[in-house]
């Protein structure tokens, strides 16, 4: 993979129809700086609209996935006359709310990608970093990595989506426990409670993730995208609405070139070659 040189806080590479987004400020544990947020949103938009990209993988450089917000830019002790931190909010409540909303756009951008998005959790994923992983569709995690909603440790509310995302992954009771205790758990425990779907040794993490991603690139892109949309819509729909959407989605795939190719391949006893049409 050849990285794109337009970014400073992340790396963006495309190979074998897989877009790899790597948070790339390892000396700072890949914080959710405004540069990182803006660049990742841009990279996600590129991957979402690039017909040559079928799967997106998100990971971190060094020993962290993302440690979330940089605590050096937070704190109530700064006043409106203080020199503003380069990546943190101003001291007023309205300014801080606007700053947080800009940060939240990253979570929304991940969920807006219609293609599969896989988190490769290589190291600590704390606070907002945990929420980035939760926003992804599938999570692979190194056994030695740590993940958790650590906001309570510094007296904060989980403002980057954890209160919505986490209970939909692990259930209300476990979500409350993780948020209240601010515990960082390892990959084995995260897998046991269903927070991540796959736990592997750190040295084999990217091999496992990319092998899974390549498998998805062989699937029918249109059908996969529609199924993803239906699953997420279904979280907030009743059965009647879900079935109504399913009728439309199934009708689209029944009349698609991919469906015709799938039937031909089945009859000819060969692997199908899908186009996403």
C-alpha atoms as a PDB file:
ATOM      1  CA  UNK A   1       0.000   0.000   0.000  1.00  0.00           C
ATOM      2  CA  UNK A   2       1.195   3.515  -0.851  1.00  0.00           C
ATOM      3  CA  UNK A   3      -0.025   6.088   1.715  1.00  0.00           C
ATOM      4  CA  UNK A   4      -1.677   9.316   0.583  1.00  0.00           C
ATOM      5  CA  UNK A   5       0.523  12.280   1.529  1.00  0.00           C
ATOM      6  CA  UNK A   6      -2.250  14.872   1.963  1.00  0.00           C
ATOM      7  CA  UNK A   7      -2.785  14.014   5.647  1.00  0.00           C
ATOM      8  CA  UNK A   8      -0.707  14.779   8.750  1.00  0.00           C
ATOM      9  CA  UNK A   9      -2.617  13.100  11.602  1.00  0.00           C
ATOM     10  CA  UNK A  10      -3.644   9.916   9.774  1.00  0.00           C
ATOM     11  CA  UNK A  11      -2.464   7.651   6.965  1.00  0.00           C
ATOM     12  CA  UNK A  12      -4.776   6.632   4.124  1.00  0.00           C
ATOM     13  CA  UNK A  13      -3.928   3.694   1.861  1.00  0.00           C
ATOM     14  CA  UNK A  14      -5.907   1.627  -0.635  1.00  0.00           C
ATOM     15  CA  UNK A  15      -4.925  -1.860  -1.726  1.00  0.00           C
ATOM     16  CA  UNK A  16      -6.896  -4.912  -2.906  1.00  0.00           C
ATOM     17  CA  UNK A  17     -10.107  -2.829  -2.733  1.00  0.00           C
ATOM     18  CA  UNK A  18      -9.538  -2.200   0.990  1.00  0.00           C
ATOM     19  CA  UNK A  19      -9.079   1.333   2.368  1.00  0.00           C
ATOM     20  CA  UNK A  20      -6.853   1.386   5.451  1.00  0.00           C
ATOM     21  CA  UNK A  21      -7.173   4.435   7.718  1.00  0.00           C
ATOM     22  CA  UNK A  22      -4.467   4.604  10.390  1.00  0.00           C
ATOM     23  CA  UNK A  23      -4.468   7.170  13.194  1.00  0.00           C
ATOM     24  CA  UNK A  24      -0.874   8.332  13.020  1.00  0.00           C
ATOM     25  CA  UNK A  25       0.197  10.338  16.049  1.00  0.00           C
ATOM     26  CA  UNK A  26       1.613   7.426  18.064  1.00  0.00           C
ATOM     27  CA  UNK A  27       3.726   9.574  20.375  1.00  0.00           C
ATOM     28  CA  UNK A  28       0.478  11.152  21.646  1.00  0.00           C
ATOM     29  CA  UNK A  29      -1.430   7.835  21.615  1.00  0.00           C
ATOM     30  CA  UNK A  30      -3.440   8.968  18.578  1.00  0.00           C
ATOM     31  CA  UNK A  31      -5.700  11.515  20.295  1.00  0.00           C
ATOM     32  CA  UNK A  32      -8.947  12.776  18.791  1.00  0.00           C
ATOM     33  CA  UNK A  33      -7.429  16.090  17.791  1.00  0.00           C
ATOM     34  CA  UNK A  34      -9.354  18.361  15.465  1.00  0.00           C
ATOM     35  CA  UNK A  35      -6.850  17.494  12.724  1.00  0.00           C
ATOM     36  CA  UNK A  36      -7.386  13.777  13.259  1.00  0.00           C
ATOM     37  CA  UNK A  37     -11.161  14.177  13.264  1.00  0.00           C
ATOM     38  CA  UNK A  38     -11.260  16.326  10.122  1.00  0.00           C
ATOM     39  CA  UNK A  39      -8.788  14.151   8.203  1.00  0.00           C
ATOM     40  CA  UNK A  40     -10.517  10.903   9.166  1.00  0.00           C
ATOM     41  CA  UNK A  41     -13.895  12.279   8.086  1.00  0.00           C
ATOM     42  CA  UNK A  42     -12.347  13.262   4.755  1.00  0.00           C
ATOM     43  CA  UNK A  43     -10.766   9.820   4.335  1.00  0.00           C
ATOM     44  CA  UNK A  44     -14.035   8.069   5.190  1.00  0.00           C
ATOM     45  CA  UNK A  45     -15.854  10.170   2.602  1.00  0.00           C
ATOM     46  CA  UNK A  46     -13.253   9.254  -0.018  1.00  0.00           C
ATOM     47  CA  UNK A  47     -13.532   5.575   0.804  1.00  0.00           C
ATOM     48  CA  UNK A  48     -17.337   5.720   0.797  1.00  0.00           C
ATOM     49  CA  UNK A  49     -17.482   7.248  -2.688  1.00  0.00           C
ATOM     50  CA  UNK A  50     -14.562   5.408  -4.300  1.00  0.00           C
ATOM     51  CA  UNK A  51     -15.927   2.556  -6.460  1.00  0.00           C
ATOM     52  CA  UNK A  52     -12.585   0.780  -6.119  1.00  0.00           C
ATOM     53  CA  UNK A  53     -13.002   0.545  -2.324  1.00  0.00           C
ATOM     54  CA  UNK A  54     -15.291  -2.160  -0.973  1.00  0.00           C
ATOM     55  CA  UNK A  55     -14.178  -2.398   2.676  1.00  0.00           C
ATOM     56  CA  UNK A  56     -12.748   0.117   5.158  1.00  0.00           C
ATOM     57  CA  UNK A  57     -10.352  -0.782   7.994  1.00  0.00           C
ATOM     58  CA  UNK A  58      -9.601   1.640  10.842  1.00  0.00           C
ATOM     59  CA  UNK A  59      -6.597   1.172  13.146  1.00  0.00           C
ATOM     60  CA  UNK A  60      -3.921   3.063  15.050  1.00  0.00           C
ATOM     61  CA  UNK A  61      -0.159   3.415  14.795  1.00  0.00           C
ATOM     62  CA  UNK A  62       2.092   2.453  17.680  1.00  0.00           C
ATOM     63  CA  UNK A  63       0.742   1.189  20.984  1.00  0.00           C
ATOM     64  CA  UNK A  64      -2.679   2.848  20.824  1.00  0.00           C
ATOM     65  CA  UNK A  65      -5.791   2.634  18.688  1.00  0.00           C
ATOM     66  CA  UNK A  66      -6.859   6.016  20.064  1.00  0.00           C
ATOM     67  CA  UNK A  67      -6.669   7.301  23.626  1.00  0.00           C
ATOM     68  CA  UNK A  68      -9.611   9.616  22.916  1.00  0.00           C
ATOM     69  CA  UNK A  69      -9.544  13.292  23.793  1.00  0.00           C
ATOM     70  CA  UNK A  70      -6.223  14.845  24.752  1.00  0.00           C
ATOM     71  CA  UNK A  71      -6.574  15.667  28.455  1.00  0.00           C
ATOM     72  CA  UNK A  72      -3.987  18.411  28.057  1.00  0.00           C
ATOM     73  CA  UNK A  73      -6.570  20.427  26.123  1.00  0.00           C
ATOM     74  CA  UNK A  74      -9.341  19.945  28.703  1.00  0.00           C
ATOM     75  CA  UNK A  75      -9.993  21.132  32.228  1.00  0.00           C
ATOM     76  CA  UNK A  76     -12.038  23.879  33.866  1.00  0.00           C
ATOM     77  CA  UNK A  77      -9.039  25.894  35.080  1.00  0.00           C
ATOM     78  CA  UNK A  78      -8.580  27.773  31.797  1.00  0.00           C
ATOM     79  CA  UNK A  79     -10.426  31.068  31.488  1.00  0.00           C
ATOM     80  CA  UNK A  80     -11.719  32.902  28.460  1.00  0.00           C
ATOM     81  CA  UNK A  81      -8.566  35.024  28.478  1.00  0.00           C
ATOM     82  CA  UNK A  82      -6.261  32.007  28.382  1.00  0.00           C
ATOM     83  CA  UNK A  83      -4.456  31.207  25.166  1.00  0.00           C
ATOM     84  CA  UNK A  84      -6.647  28.527  23.543  1.00  0.00           C
ATOM     85  CA  UNK A  85      -5.196  25.053  23.172  1.00  0.00           C
ATOM     86  CA  UNK A  86      -4.559  24.105  19.563  1.00  0.00           C
ATOM     87  CA  UNK A  87      -6.928  21.142  19.603  1.00  0.00           C
ATOM     88  CA  UNK A  88      -9.111  21.744  22.621  1.00  0.00           C
ATOM     89  CA  UNK A  89     -12.272  23.705  23.327  1.00  0.00           C
ATOM     90  CA  UNK A  90     -12.458  27.269  24.515  1.00  0.00           C
ATOM     91  CA  UNK A  91     -13.568  27.636  28.109  1.00  0.00           C
ATOM     92  CA  UNK A  92     -17.189  28.769  27.608  1.00  0.00           C
ATOM     93  CA  UNK A  93     -20.022  26.204  27.570  1.00  0.00           C
ATOM     94  CA  UNK A  94     -21.240  27.190  24.102  1.00  0.00           C
ATOM     95  CA  UNK A  95     -17.727  26.981  22.662  1.00  0.00           C
ATOM     96  CA  UNK A  96     -17.154  23.619  24.305  1.00  0.00           C
ATOM     97  CA  UNK A  97     -20.468  22.313  22.970  1.00  0.00           C
ATOM     98  CA  UNK A  98     -19.536  23.428  19.447  1.00  0.00           C
ATOM     99  CA  UNK A  99     -16.114  21.786  19.802  1.00  0.00           C
ATOM    100  CA  UNK A 100     -17.689  18.516  20.954  1.00  0.00           C
ATOM    101  CA  UNK A 101     -20.176  18.561  18.087  1.00  0.00           C
ATOM    102  CA  UNK A 102     -17.292  18.807  15.632  1.00  0.00           C
ATOM    103  CA  UNK A 103     -15.725  15.788  17.314  1.00  0.00           C
ATOM    104  CA  UNK A 104     -19.011  13.854  17.206  1.00  0.00           C
ATOM    105  CA  UNK A 105     -19.076  14.211  13.429  1.00  0.00           C
ATOM    106  CA  UNK A 106     -16.428  11.508  13.245  1.00  0.00           C
ATOM    107  CA  UNK A 107     -18.787   8.982  14.854  1.00  0.00           C
ATOM    108  CA  UNK A 108     -21.549   9.990  12.429  1.00  0.00           C
ATOM    109  CA  UNK A 109     -19.137   9.767   9.484  1.00  0.00           C
ATOM    110  CA  UNK A 110     -18.226   6.185  10.361  1.00  0.00           C
ATOM    111  CA  UNK A 111     -21.879   5.198  10.544  1.00  0.00           C
ATOM    112  CA  UNK A 112     -22.620   6.985   7.259  1.00  0.00           C
ATOM    113  CA  UNK A 113     -20.301   4.676   5.289  1.00  0.00           C
ATOM    114  CA  UNK A 114     -22.490   2.130   3.519  1.00  0.00           C
ATOM    115  CA  UNK A 115     -19.583  -0.293   3.070  1.00  0.00           C
ATOM    116  CA  UNK A 116     -18.285  -2.617   5.829  1.00  0.00           C
ATOM    117  CA  UNK A 117     -16.106  -0.741   8.344  1.00  0.00           C
ATOM    118  CA  UNK A 118     -13.789  -2.860  10.496  1.00  0.00           C
ATOM    119  CA  UNK A 119     -11.948  -1.655  13.602  1.00  0.00           C
ATOM    120  CA  UNK A 120      -8.521  -3.216  14.174  1.00  0.00           C
ATOM    121  CA  UNK A 121      -7.946  -2.382  17.851  1.00  0.00           C
ATOM    122  CA  UNK A 122      -4.189  -2.696  18.165  1.00  0.00           C
ATOM    123  CA  UNK A 123      -3.773  -0.970  21.535  1.00  0.00           C
ATOM    124  CA  UNK A 124      -5.584   1.209  24.033  1.00  0.00           C
ATOM    125  CA  UNK A 125      -8.995   2.455  22.863  1.00  0.00           C
ATOM    126  CA  UNK A 126     -10.148   4.771  25.609  1.00  0.00           C
ATOM    127  CA  UNK A 127     -13.033   7.227  25.893  1.00  0.00           C
ATOM    128  CA  UNK A 128     -13.625   8.646  22.444  1.00  0.00           C
ATOM    129  CA  UNK A 129     -11.297   5.990  21.043  1.00  0.00           C
ATOM    130  CA  UNK A 130     -13.616   3.336  22.441  1.00  0.00           C
ATOM    131  CA  UNK A 131     -16.549   5.086  20.776  1.00  0.00           C
ATOM    132  CA  UNK A 132     -14.756   5.142  17.413  1.00  0.00           C
ATOM    133  CA  UNK A 133     -14.374   1.370  17.678  1.00  0.00           C
ATOM    134  CA  UNK A 134     -18.012   0.964  18.736  1.00  0.00           C
ATOM    135  CA  UNK A 135     -19.171   2.975  15.705  1.00  0.00           C
ATOM    136  CA  UNK A 136     -17.463   0.494  13.378  1.00  0.00           C
ATOM    137  CA  UNK A 137     -19.426  -2.521  12.162  1.00  0.00           C
ATOM    138  CA  UNK A 138     -17.026  -5.259  13.254  1.00  0.00           C
ATOM    139  CA  UNK A 139     -14.250  -5.152  15.821  1.00  0.00           C
ATOM    140  CA  UNK A 140     -11.041  -7.192  15.896  1.00  0.00           C
ATOM    141  CA  UNK A 141      -8.942  -6.632  19.016  1.00  0.00           C
ATOM    142  CA  UNK A 142      -5.458  -7.610  20.093  1.00  0.00           C
ATOM    143  CA  UNK A 143      -5.617  -9.731  23.217  1.00  0.00           C
ATOM    144  CA  UNK A 144      -3.199  -7.402  24.994  1.00  0.00           C
ATOM    145  CA  UNK A 145      -5.032  -4.200  24.039  1.00  0.00           C
ATOM    146  CA  UNK A 146      -7.313  -2.297  26.426  1.00  0.00           C
ATOM    147  CA  UNK A 147     -10.687  -0.693  25.768  1.00  0.00           C
ATOM    148  CA  UNK A 148     -13.143   1.255  27.881  1.00  0.00           C
ATOM    149  CA  UNK A 149     -15.309   4.282  28.569  1.00  0.00           C
ATOM    150  CA  UNK A 150     -12.942   6.108  30.939  1.00  0.00           C
ATOM    151  CA  UNK A 151     -14.782   9.458  31.092  1.00  0.00           C
ATOM    152  CA  UNK A 152     -15.837   9.033  34.737  1.00  0.00           C
ATOM    153  CA  UNK A 153     -12.184   8.963  35.805  1.00  0.00           C
ATOM    154  CA  UNK A 154     -11.984  12.690  35.063  1.00  0.00           C
ATOM    155  CA  UNK A 155     -15.568  13.552  35.957  1.00  0.00           C
ATOM    156  CA  UNK A 156     -16.930  13.643  32.419  1.00  0.00           C
ATOM    157  CA  UNK A 157     -20.073  12.433  30.675  1.00  0.00           C
ATOM    158  CA  UNK A 158     -19.384  10.096  27.691  1.00  0.00           C
ATOM    159  CA  UNK A 159     -19.999  12.728  25.031  1.00  0.00           C
ATOM    160  CA  UNK A 160     -18.901  10.956  21.852  1.00  0.00           C
ATOM    161  CA  UNK A 161     -21.708   8.445  21.526  1.00  0.00           C
ATOM    162  CA  UNK A 162     -20.911   5.787  24.103  1.00  0.00           C
ATOM    163  CA  UNK A 163     -24.266   6.021  25.882  1.00  0.00           C
ATOM    164  CA  UNK A 164     -26.023   5.186  22.597  1.00  0.00           C
ATOM    165  CA  UNK A 165     -23.511   2.805  21.046  1.00  0.00           C
ATOM    166  CA  UNK A 166     -22.367   0.718  24.009  1.00  0.00           C
ATOM    167  CA  UNK A 167     -25.758  -0.640  25.224  1.00  0.00           C
ATOM    168  CA  UNK A 168     -26.600  -1.684  21.682  1.00  0.00           C
ATOM    169  CA  UNK A 169     -23.469  -3.834  21.688  1.00  0.00           C
ATOM    170  CA  UNK A 170     -23.287  -5.231  25.241  1.00  0.00           C
ATOM    171  CA  UNK A 171     -26.708  -4.451  26.757  1.00  0.00           C
ATOM    172  CA  UNK A 172     -27.820  -1.857  29.288  1.00  0.00           C
ATOM    173  CA  UNK A 173     -26.483  -3.499  32.464  1.00  0.00           C
ATOM    174  CA  UNK A 174     -22.963  -4.106  31.182  1.00  0.00           C
ATOM    175  CA  UNK A 175     -22.890  -0.682  29.518  1.00  0.00           C
ATOM    176  CA  UNK A 176     -23.754   0.995  32.809  1.00  0.00           C
ATOM    177  CA  UNK A 177     -21.085  -1.028  34.599  1.00  0.00           C
ATOM    178  CA  UNK A 178     -18.395  -0.090  32.085  1.00  0.00           C
ATOM    179  CA  UNK A 179     -19.347   3.597  32.102  1.00  0.00           C
ATOM    180  CA  UNK A 180     -19.748   3.844  35.885  1.00  0.00           C
ATOM    181  CA  UNK A 181     -16.502   2.023  36.728  1.00  0.00           C
ATOM    182  CA  UNK A 182     -14.487   3.559  33.851  1.00  0.00           C
ATOM    183  CA  UNK A 183     -12.667   0.228  33.642  1.00  0.00           C
ATOM    184  CA  UNK A 184     -10.268  -0.604  30.830  1.00  0.00           C
ATOM    185  CA  UNK A 185     -10.716  -4.253  29.870  1.00  0.00           C
ATOM    186  CA  UNK A 186      -8.457  -6.453  27.773  1.00  0.00           C
ATOM    187  CA  UNK A 187      -9.311  -8.223  24.543  1.00  0.00           C
ATOM    188  CA  UNK A 188     -10.261 -11.491  26.211  1.00  0.00           C
ATOM    189  CA  UNK A 189     -12.827  -9.811  28.480  1.00  0.00           C
ATOM    190  CA  UNK A 190     -14.073  -7.567  25.671  1.00  0.00           C
ATOM    191  CA  UNK A 191     -14.719 -10.675  23.586  1.00  0.00           C
ATOM    192  CA  UNK A 192     -16.398 -12.491  26.480  1.00  0.00           C
ATOM    193  CA  UNK A 193     -18.977  -9.724  26.944  1.00  0.00           C
ATOM    194  CA  UNK A 194     -19.517  -9.275  23.205  1.00  0.00           C
ATOM    195  CA  UNK A 195     -17.900  -5.854  22.912  1.00  0.00           C
ATOM    196  CA  UNK A 196     -15.621  -7.194  20.171  1.00  0.00           C
ATOM    197  CA  UNK A 197     -16.283 -10.061  17.816  1.00  0.00           C
ATOM    198  CA  UNK A 198     -12.717 -11.288  17.370  1.00  0.00           C
ATOM    199  CA  UNK A 199      -9.706 -11.360  19.701  1.00  0.00           C
ATOM    200  CA  UNK A 200      -6.282 -12.325  18.362  1.00  0.00           C
ATOM    201  CA  UNK A 201      -2.607 -12.019  19.243  1.00  0.00           C
ATOM    202  CA  UNK A 202      -1.231  -8.531  18.579  1.00  0.00           C
ATOM    203  CA  UNK A 203       1.338  -9.776  16.071  1.00  0.00           C
ATOM    204  CA  UNK A 204      -1.347 -11.383  13.896  1.00  0.00           C
ATOM    205  CA  UNK A 205      -4.007  -8.660  14.227  1.00  0.00           C
ATOM    206  CA  UNK A 206      -3.615  -6.979  10.856  1.00  0.00           C
ATOM    207  CA  UNK A 207      -3.154 -10.297   9.026  1.00  0.00           C
ATOM    208  CA  UNK A 208      -6.442 -11.524  10.491  1.00  0.00           C
ATOM    209  CA  UNK A 209      -8.264  -8.261   9.786  1.00  0.00           C
ATOM    210  CA  UNK A 210      -7.069  -7.974   6.197  1.00  0.00           C
ATOM    211  CA  UNK A 211      -7.872 -11.630   5.501  1.00  0.00           C
ATOM    212  CA  UNK A 212     -11.428 -11.031   6.726  1.00  0.00           C
ATOM    213  CA  UNK A 213     -11.663  -7.789   4.736  1.00  0.00           C
ATOM    214  CA  UNK A 214     -10.526  -9.559   1.550  1.00  0.00           C
ATOM    215  CA  UNK A 215     -13.251 -12.136   2.110  1.00  0.00           C
ATOM    216  CA  UNK A 216     -15.836  -9.349   2.235  1.00  0.00           C
ATOM    217  CA  UNK A 217     -14.505  -7.805  -0.992  1.00  0.00           C
ATOM    218  CA  UNK A 218     -15.592 -10.997  -2.768  1.00  0.00           C
ATOM    219  CA  UNK A 219     -19.211 -10.546  -1.678  1.00  0.00           C
ATOM    220  CA  UNK A 220     -21.991  -8.684  -3.539  1.00  0.00           C
ATOM    221  CA  UNK A 221     -21.424  -4.980  -2.616  1.00  0.00           C
ATOM    222  CA  UNK A 222     -25.014  -3.901  -3.231  1.00  0.00           C
ATOM    223  CA  UNK A 223     -26.543  -6.673  -1.137  1.00  0.00           C
ATOM    224  CA  UNK A 224     -24.033  -6.137   1.677  1.00  0.00           C
ATOM    225  CA  UNK A 225     -24.709  -2.393   1.784  1.00  0.00           C
ATOM    226  CA  UNK A 226     -28.479  -2.866   1.849  1.00  0.00           C
ATOM    227  CA  UNK A 227     -28.196  -5.493   4.586  1.00  0.00           C
ATOM    228  CA  UNK A 228     -26.047  -3.137   6.679  1.00  0.00           C
ATOM    229  CA  UNK A 229     -28.570  -0.341   6.275  1.00  0.00           C
ATOM    230  CA  UNK A 230     -31.449  -2.648   7.218  1.00  0.00           C
ATOM    231  CA  UNK A 231     -29.713  -3.882  10.371  1.00  0.00           C
ATOM    232  CA  UNK A 232     -28.986  -0.394  11.679  1.00  0.00           C
ATOM    233  CA  UNK A 233     -32.426   0.925  10.719  1.00  0.00           C
ATOM    234  CA  UNK A 234     -33.970  -2.038  12.473  1.00  0.00           C
ATOM    235  CA  UNK A 235     -32.511  -0.973  15.820  1.00  0.00           C
ATOM    236  CA  UNK A 236     -35.053   1.852  15.926  1.00  0.00           C
ATOM    237  CA  UNK A 237     -37.908   0.389  13.859  1.00  0.00           C
ATOM    238  CA  UNK A 238     -40.843  -1.849  14.560  1.00  0.00           C
ATOM    239  CA  UNK A 239     -41.261  -5.096  12.608  1.00  0.00           C
ATOM    240  CA  UNK A 240     -43.711  -3.628  10.098  1.00  0.00           C
ATOM    241  CA  UNK A 241     -41.330  -0.832   9.127  1.00  0.00           C
ATOM    242  CA  UNK A 242     -38.394  -3.244   8.976  1.00  0.00           C
ATOM    243  CA  UNK A 243     -40.272  -5.615   6.675  1.00  0.00           C
ATOM    244  CA  UNK A 244     -41.336  -2.741   4.458  1.00  0.00           C
ATOM    245  CA  UNK A 245     -37.701  -1.698   3.996  1.00  0.00           C
ATOM    246  CA  UNK A 246     -36.764  -5.348   3.415  1.00  0.00           C
ATOM    247  CA  UNK A 247     -39.272  -5.578   0.555  1.00  0.00           C
ATOM    248  CA  UNK A 248     -37.656  -2.656  -1.217  1.00  0.00           C
ATOM    249  CA  UNK A 249     -34.109  -3.877  -0.590  1.00  0.00           C
ATOM    250  CA  UNK A 250     -34.896  -7.428  -1.733  1.00  0.00           C
ATOM    251  CA  UNK A 251     -36.605  -6.136  -4.873  1.00  0.00           C
ATOM    252  CA  UNK A 252     -33.477  -4.150  -5.725  1.00  0.00           C
ATOM    253  CA  UNK A 253     -31.220  -7.186  -5.338  1.00  0.00           C
ATOM    254  CA  UNK A 254     -33.639  -9.508  -7.163  1.00  0.00           C
ATOM    255  CA  UNK A 255     -33.318  -7.295 -10.246  1.00  0.00           C
ATOM    256  CA  UNK A 256     -29.556  -6.716  -9.912  1.00  0.00           C
ATOM    257  CA  UNK A 257     -26.774  -7.934 -12.171  1.00  0.00           C
ATOM    258  CA  UNK A 258     -25.085  -9.382  -9.087  1.00  0.00           C
ATOM    259  CA  UNK A 259     -28.052 -11.666  -8.431  1.00  0.00           C
ATOM    260  CA  UNK A 260     -28.021 -12.859 -12.036  1.00  0.00           C
ATOM    261  CA  UNK A 261     -24.274 -13.475 -11.766  1.00  0.00           C
ATOM    262  CA  UNK A 262     -24.738 -15.343  -8.492  1.00  0.00           C
ATOM    263  CA  UNK A 263     -27.305 -17.677 -10.059  1.00  0.00           C
ATOM    264  CA  UNK A 264     -25.076 -18.280 -13.104  1.00  0.00           C
ATOM    265  CA  UNK A 265     -22.071 -19.006 -10.905  1.00  0.00           C
ATOM    266  CA  UNK A 266     -24.103 -21.423  -8.788  1.00  0.00           C
ATOM    267  CA  UNK A 267     -25.274 -23.323 -11.864  1.00  0.00           C
ATOM    268  CA  UNK A 268     -21.787 -23.336 -13.362  1.00  0.00           C
ATOM    269  CA  UNK A 269     -20.215 -24.372 -10.053  1.00  0.00           C
ATOM    270  CA  UNK A 270     -17.723 -21.496  -9.938  1.00  0.00           C
ATOM    271  CA  UNK A 271     -17.071 -18.526  -7.642  1.00  0.00           C
ATOM    272  CA  UNK A 272     -19.232 -15.501  -8.569  1.00  0.00           C
ATOM    273  CA  UNK A 273     -17.714 -12.254  -9.791  1.00  0.00           C
ATOM    274  CA  UNK A 274     -19.839  -9.451  -8.339  1.00  0.00           C
ATOM    275  CA  UNK A 275     -19.859  -5.849  -9.575  1.00  0.00           C
ATOM    276  CA  UNK A 276     -22.126  -4.065  -7.112  1.00  0.00           C
ATOM    277  CA  UNK A 277     -24.817  -3.518  -9.748  1.00  0.00           C
END
